[in-house]
């Protein structure tokens, strides 16, 4: 497990002769994190330096932490069913969603986005997935922004979660998918 401080800034746009801040966030990924993320994102045709800028969470306010998995998992249903509503947790796949997804489309899970440390701490009680992220991030300062790479998911909980994921997704569809 690796944890890196992210540098996040609001983008500037030009409005005539003046520069003004917009709500778009720009993520500066540390070189060490880029080296670890490159082989993970390569199969999905993503670049670690630009992937985070494409997330819908790329607008202010900035997330407290982003956790990247070692690949995509079919766990969208697990995430929406186990994250507490007030936790401020979103997720994204590494591969972009189709422009016109089929009615039975279910996104994959590659990245978890946590808007607060307290939200992740709360969610850690509801799922081994969030507990793994909490284990990595619990010592990280609340007033900074973080990027972590989680270890490959495993264990009996994963087998069970994968078996029921499609059902959980259908029962808990949520607009908080990125």
C-alpha atoms as a PDB file:
ATOM      1  CA  UNK A   1       0.000   0.000   0.000  1.00  0.00           C
ATOM      2  CA  UNK A   2       1.326   3.399  -0.975  1.00  0.00           C
ATOM      3  CA  UNK A   3       0.071   6.812   0.047  1.00  0.00           C
ATOM      4  CA  UNK A   4       1.033  10.103  -1.609  1.00  0.00           C
ATOM      5  CA  UNK A   5       0.110  13.716  -0.998  1.00  0.00           C
ATOM      6  CA  UNK A   6      -1.745  15.175  -3.974  1.00  0.00           C
ATOM      7  CA  UNK A   7      -1.340  18.767  -5.056  1.00  0.00           C
ATOM      8  CA  UNK A   8      -4.664  20.109  -6.252  1.00  0.00           C
ATOM      9  CA  UNK A   9      -5.335  23.556  -7.684  1.00  0.00           C
ATOM     10  CA  UNK A  10      -8.258  25.294  -9.303  1.00  0.00           C
ATOM     11  CA  UNK A  11      -7.796  25.982 -12.982  1.00  0.00           C
ATOM     12  CA  UNK A  12      -7.545  29.484 -14.379  1.00  0.00           C
ATOM     13  CA  UNK A  13      -9.548  30.591 -17.371  1.00  0.00           C
ATOM     14  CA  UNK A  14      -9.086  33.770 -19.331  1.00  0.00           C
ATOM     15  CA  UNK A  15     -11.998  36.149 -19.465  1.00  0.00           C
ATOM     16  CA  UNK A  16     -10.875  38.917 -21.794  1.00  0.00           C
ATOM     17  CA  UNK A  17      -7.812  40.495 -20.211  1.00  0.00           C
ATOM     18  CA  UNK A  18      -8.207  38.897 -16.789  1.00  0.00           C
ATOM     19  CA  UNK A  19      -7.624  35.409 -15.434  1.00  0.00           C
ATOM     20  CA  UNK A  20     -10.335  34.020 -13.190  1.00  0.00           C
ATOM     21  CA  UNK A  21     -10.545  30.818 -11.183  1.00  0.00           C
ATOM     22  CA  UNK A  22     -13.113  28.303 -12.296  1.00  0.00           C
ATOM     23  CA  UNK A  23     -14.307  25.311 -10.309  1.00  0.00           C
ATOM     24  CA  UNK A  24     -12.306  22.809 -12.394  1.00  0.00           C
ATOM     25  CA  UNK A  25      -9.595  21.082 -10.383  1.00  0.00           C
ATOM     26  CA  UNK A  26      -6.154  20.155 -11.662  1.00  0.00           C
ATOM     27  CA  UNK A  27      -4.391  17.221  -9.969  1.00  0.00           C
ATOM     28  CA  UNK A  28      -0.595  17.025  -9.754  1.00  0.00           C
ATOM     29  CA  UNK A  29       0.323  13.347  -9.347  1.00  0.00           C
ATOM     30  CA  UNK A  30       3.720  12.749  -7.701  1.00  0.00           C
ATOM     31  CA  UNK A  31       6.268  11.003  -9.918  1.00  0.00           C
ATOM     32  CA  UNK A  32       6.489   7.986  -7.578  1.00  0.00           C
ATOM     33  CA  UNK A  33       2.711   7.520  -7.748  1.00  0.00           C
ATOM     34  CA  UNK A  34       2.777   7.912 -11.539  1.00  0.00           C
ATOM     35  CA  UNK A  35       5.299   5.061 -11.829  1.00  0.00           C
ATOM     36  CA  UNK A  36       3.032   2.763  -9.789  1.00  0.00           C
ATOM     37  CA  UNK A  37      -0.176   3.821 -11.555  1.00  0.00           C
ATOM     38  CA  UNK A  38       1.118   3.602 -15.129  1.00  0.00           C
ATOM     39  CA  UNK A  39       0.945  -0.245 -15.392  1.00  0.00           C
ATOM     40  CA  UNK A  40      -2.483  -0.260 -13.694  1.00  0.00           C
ATOM     41  CA  UNK A  41      -3.982   2.332 -16.035  1.00  0.00           C
ATOM     42  CA  UNK A  42      -2.246   1.212 -19.251  1.00  0.00           C
ATOM     43  CA  UNK A  43      -4.780  -1.561 -20.111  1.00  0.00           C
ATOM     44  CA  UNK A  44      -7.534   1.082 -19.900  1.00  0.00           C
ATOM     45  CA  UNK A  45      -5.666   3.528 -22.162  1.00  0.00           C
ATOM     46  CA  UNK A  46      -5.383   6.075 -19.333  1.00  0.00           C
ATOM     47  CA  UNK A  47      -2.452   8.284 -18.368  1.00  0.00           C
ATOM     48  CA  UNK A  48      -1.822   8.783 -14.626  1.00  0.00           C
ATOM     49  CA  UNK A  49      -1.078  12.473 -15.135  1.00  0.00           C
ATOM     50  CA  UNK A  50      -4.500  13.132 -16.747  1.00  0.00           C
ATOM     51  CA  UNK A  51      -6.817  10.421 -15.404  1.00  0.00           C
ATOM     52  CA  UNK A  52      -7.827  12.327 -12.246  1.00  0.00           C
ATOM     53  CA  UNK A  53      -8.575  15.529 -14.168  1.00  0.00           C
ATOM     54  CA  UNK A  54     -11.227  13.579 -16.122  1.00  0.00           C
ATOM     55  CA  UNK A  55     -13.172  12.487 -13.050  1.00  0.00           C
ATOM     56  CA  UNK A  56     -16.460  14.225 -12.397  1.00  0.00           C
ATOM     57  CA  UNK A  57     -14.998  14.829  -8.949  1.00  0.00           C
ATOM     58  CA  UNK A  58     -12.598  17.158 -10.749  1.00  0.00           C
ATOM     59  CA  UNK A  59     -14.693  20.136  -9.637  1.00  0.00           C
ATOM     60  CA  UNK A  60     -14.429  21.990  -6.337  1.00  0.00           C
ATOM     61  CA  UNK A  61     -14.548  21.013  -3.557  1.00  0.00           C
ATOM     62  CA  UNK A  62     -11.535  18.754  -3.811  1.00  0.00           C
ATOM     63  CA  UNK A  63     -11.744  15.232  -2.397  1.00  0.00           C
ATOM     64  CA  UNK A  64      -9.792  14.479   0.764  1.00  0.00           C
ATOM     65  CA  UNK A  65      -8.458  11.218  -0.713  1.00  0.00           C
ATOM     66  CA  UNK A  66      -8.560   9.076  -3.828  1.00  0.00           C
ATOM     67  CA  UNK A  67      -7.906   5.335  -3.586  1.00  0.00           C
ATOM     68  CA  UNK A  68      -6.910   3.413  -6.711  1.00  0.00           C
ATOM     69  CA  UNK A  69      -7.346  -0.334  -7.039  1.00  0.00           C
ATOM     70  CA  UNK A  70      -4.975  -2.641  -8.915  1.00  0.00           C
ATOM     71  CA  UNK A  71      -7.555  -3.012 -11.702  1.00  0.00           C
ATOM     72  CA  UNK A  72     -11.279  -2.789 -12.256  1.00  0.00           C
ATOM     73  CA  UNK A  73     -13.625  -4.908 -10.162  1.00  0.00           C
ATOM     74  CA  UNK A  74     -17.321  -5.609 -10.653  1.00  0.00           C
ATOM     75  CA  UNK A  75     -18.177  -4.068  -7.276  1.00  0.00           C
ATOM     76  CA  UNK A  76     -20.326  -1.025  -8.082  1.00  0.00           C
ATOM     77  CA  UNK A  77     -23.305  -2.653  -6.384  1.00  0.00           C
ATOM     78  CA  UNK A  78     -21.241  -3.398  -3.290  1.00  0.00           C
ATOM     79  CA  UNK A  79     -20.108   0.226  -3.076  1.00  0.00           C
ATOM     80  CA  UNK A  80     -23.570   1.759  -3.438  1.00  0.00           C
ATOM     81  CA  UNK A  81     -25.097  -0.757  -1.016  1.00  0.00           C
ATOM     82  CA  UNK A  82     -22.488  -0.434   1.745  1.00  0.00           C
ATOM     83  CA  UNK A  83     -21.411   3.217   1.708  1.00  0.00           C
ATOM     84  CA  UNK A  84     -23.310   5.297   4.256  1.00  0.00           C
ATOM     85  CA  UNK A  85     -25.351   8.007   2.534  1.00  0.00           C
ATOM     86  CA  UNK A  86     -23.680  10.753   4.553  1.00  0.00           C
ATOM     87  CA  UNK A  87     -20.121   9.478   3.962  1.00  0.00           C
ATOM     88  CA  UNK A  88     -19.449  11.460   0.771  1.00  0.00           C
ATOM     89  CA  UNK A  89     -18.027   8.563  -1.224  1.00  0.00           C
ATOM     90  CA  UNK A  90     -18.014   8.298  -5.006  1.00  0.00           C
ATOM     91  CA  UNK A  91     -16.349   5.902  -7.392  1.00  0.00           C
ATOM     92  CA  UNK A  92     -15.184   5.637 -10.970  1.00  0.00           C
ATOM     93  CA  UNK A  93     -14.051   3.018 -13.427  1.00  0.00           C
ATOM     94  CA  UNK A  94     -10.714   3.295 -15.181  1.00  0.00           C
ATOM     95  CA  UNK A  95     -12.356   2.747 -18.537  1.00  0.00           C
ATOM     96  CA  UNK A  96     -14.720   5.546 -19.584  1.00  0.00           C
ATOM     97  CA  UNK A  97     -18.422   4.686 -19.562  1.00  0.00           C
ATOM     98  CA  UNK A  98     -20.058   4.336 -22.952  1.00  0.00           C
ATOM     99  CA  UNK A  99     -21.552   7.564 -24.301  1.00  0.00           C
ATOM    100  CA  UNK A 100     -24.932   5.829 -24.571  1.00  0.00           C
ATOM    101  CA  UNK A 101     -24.898   3.017 -22.012  1.00  0.00           C
ATOM    102  CA  UNK A 102     -27.373   0.166 -22.356  1.00  0.00           C
ATOM    103  CA  UNK A 103     -30.174   0.098 -19.799  1.00  0.00           C
ATOM    104  CA  UNK A 104     -28.491  -2.828 -18.024  1.00  0.00           C
ATOM    105  CA  UNK A 105     -25.049  -1.163 -17.927  1.00  0.00           C
ATOM    106  CA  UNK A 106     -23.224  -1.440 -14.607  1.00  0.00           C
ATOM    107  CA  UNK A 107     -19.973   0.478 -14.163  1.00  0.00           C
ATOM    108  CA  UNK A 108     -16.848  -1.148 -12.817  1.00  0.00           C
ATOM    109  CA  UNK A 109     -14.881   0.017  -9.798  1.00  0.00           C
ATOM    110  CA  UNK A 110     -11.313   1.241 -10.259  1.00  0.00           C
ATOM    111  CA  UNK A 111     -11.170   4.344  -8.076  1.00  0.00           C
ATOM    112  CA  UNK A 112     -12.806   5.335  -4.800  1.00  0.00           C
ATOM    113  CA  UNK A 113     -13.137   9.025  -3.980  1.00  0.00           C
ATOM    114  CA  UNK A 114     -13.528  10.157  -0.366  1.00  0.00           C
ATOM    115  CA  UNK A 115     -14.608  13.717   0.330  1.00  0.00           C
ATOM    116  CA  UNK A 116     -13.842  13.505   4.041  1.00  0.00           C
ATOM    117  CA  UNK A 117     -11.750  11.497   6.443  1.00  0.00           C
ATOM    118  CA  UNK A 118     -14.726  11.100   8.762  1.00  0.00           C
ATOM    119  CA  UNK A 119     -16.823   9.689   5.907  1.00  0.00           C
ATOM    120  CA  UNK A 120     -14.251   6.989   5.184  1.00  0.00           C
ATOM    121  CA  UNK A 121     -13.926   6.171   8.872  1.00  0.00           C
ATOM    122  CA  UNK A 122     -17.685   5.708   9.043  1.00  0.00           C
ATOM    123  CA  UNK A 123     -17.750   3.559   5.889  1.00  0.00           C
ATOM    124  CA  UNK A 124     -14.892   1.366   7.135  1.00  0.00           C
ATOM    125  CA  UNK A 125     -17.343  -0.213   9.566  1.00  0.00           C
ATOM    126  CA  UNK A 126     -19.656  -1.305   6.744  1.00  0.00           C
ATOM    127  CA  UNK A 127     -17.321  -3.069   4.293  1.00  0.00           C
ATOM    128  CA  UNK A 128     -13.884  -4.723   4.094  1.00  0.00           C
ATOM    129  CA  UNK A 129     -13.303  -2.647   0.950  1.00  0.00           C
ATOM    130  CA  UNK A 130     -13.631   0.614   2.869  1.00  0.00           C
ATOM    131  CA  UNK A 131     -11.777  -0.888   5.852  1.00  0.00           C
ATOM    132  CA  UNK A 132      -8.780  -1.538   3.586  1.00  0.00           C
ATOM    133  CA  UNK A 133      -8.826   2.084   2.399  1.00  0.00           C
ATOM    134  CA  UNK A 134      -9.176   3.317   5.989  1.00  0.00           C
ATOM    135  CA  UNK A 135      -6.228   1.180   7.084  1.00  0.00           C
ATOM    136  CA  UNK A 136      -4.089   2.947   4.488  1.00  0.00           C
ATOM    137  CA  UNK A 137      -5.380   6.479   4.994  1.00  0.00           C
ATOM    138  CA  UNK A 138      -6.206   6.740   8.702  1.00  0.00           C
ATOM    139  CA  UNK A 139      -2.891   8.426   9.578  1.00  0.00           C
ATOM    140  CA  UNK A 140      -3.161  10.958   6.730  1.00  0.00           C
ATOM    141  CA  UNK A 141      -3.835  14.562   7.729  1.00  0.00           C
ATOM    142  CA  UNK A 142      -7.397  15.776   7.313  1.00  0.00           C
ATOM    143  CA  UNK A 143      -6.367  19.168   5.896  1.00  0.00           C
ATOM    144  CA  UNK A 144      -4.375  17.748   2.960  1.00  0.00           C
ATOM    145  CA  UNK A 145      -5.293  15.731  -0.135  1.00  0.00           C
ATOM    146  CA  UNK A 146      -4.159  12.154  -0.686  1.00  0.00           C
ATOM    147  CA  UNK A 147      -3.744   9.467  -3.308  1.00  0.00           C
ATOM    148  CA  UNK A 148      -3.345   5.853  -2.279  1.00  0.00           C
ATOM    149  CA  UNK A 149      -2.931   2.582  -4.135  1.00  0.00           C
ATOM    150  CA  UNK A 150      -4.766  -0.275  -2.456  1.00  0.00           C
ATOM    151  CA  UNK A 151      -3.501  -3.861  -2.500  1.00  0.00           C
ATOM    152  CA  UNK A 152      -5.272  -6.405  -4.716  1.00  0.00           C
ATOM    153  CA  UNK A 153      -8.658  -7.275  -3.249  1.00  0.00           C
ATOM    154  CA  UNK A 154      -9.069 -10.804  -1.938  1.00  0.00           C
ATOM    155  CA  UNK A 155     -10.787 -12.915   0.669  1.00  0.00           C
ATOM    156  CA  UNK A 156     -14.131 -14.623   1.133  1.00  0.00           C
ATOM    157  CA  UNK A 157     -15.945 -11.267   1.292  1.00  0.00           C
ATOM    158  CA  UNK A 158     -14.833 -10.525  -2.286  1.00  0.00           C
ATOM    159  CA  UNK A 159     -16.227 -13.787  -3.667  1.00  0.00           C
ATOM    160  CA  UNK A 160     -19.545 -13.149  -1.949  1.00  0.00           C
ATOM    161  CA  UNK A 161     -19.661  -9.500  -3.039  1.00  0.00           C
ATOM    162  CA  UNK A 162     -18.984 -10.412  -6.674  1.00  0.00           C
ATOM    163  CA  UNK A 163     -21.808 -12.989  -6.638  1.00  0.00           C
ATOM    164  CA  UNK A 164     -24.450 -10.463  -5.590  1.00  0.00           C
ATOM    165  CA  UNK A 165     -23.085  -7.277  -7.146  1.00  0.00           C
ATOM    166  CA  UNK A 166     -25.489  -7.047 -10.090  1.00  0.00           C
ATOM    167  CA  UNK A 167     -28.474  -7.499  -7.751  1.00  0.00           C
ATOM    168  CA  UNK A 168     -27.133  -4.880  -5.313  1.00  0.00           C
ATOM    169  CA  UNK A 169     -26.587  -2.418  -8.149  1.00  0.00           C
ATOM    170  CA  UNK A 170     -30.164  -2.791  -9.377  1.00  0.00           C
ATOM    171  CA  UNK A 171     -31.533  -2.358  -5.850  1.00  0.00           C
ATOM    172  CA  UNK A 172     -29.339   0.645  -5.021  1.00  0.00           C
ATOM    173  CA  UNK A 173     -28.763   2.596  -8.217  1.00  0.00           C
ATOM    174  CA  UNK A 174     -27.260   5.928  -7.321  1.00  0.00           C
ATOM    175  CA  UNK A 175     -26.512   9.183  -9.113  1.00  0.00           C
ATOM    176  CA  UNK A 176     -23.131   9.406  -7.305  1.00  0.00           C
ATOM    177  CA  UNK A 177     -21.244   7.431  -9.921  1.00  0.00           C
ATOM    178  CA  UNK A 178     -18.409   9.154 -11.680  1.00  0.00           C
END
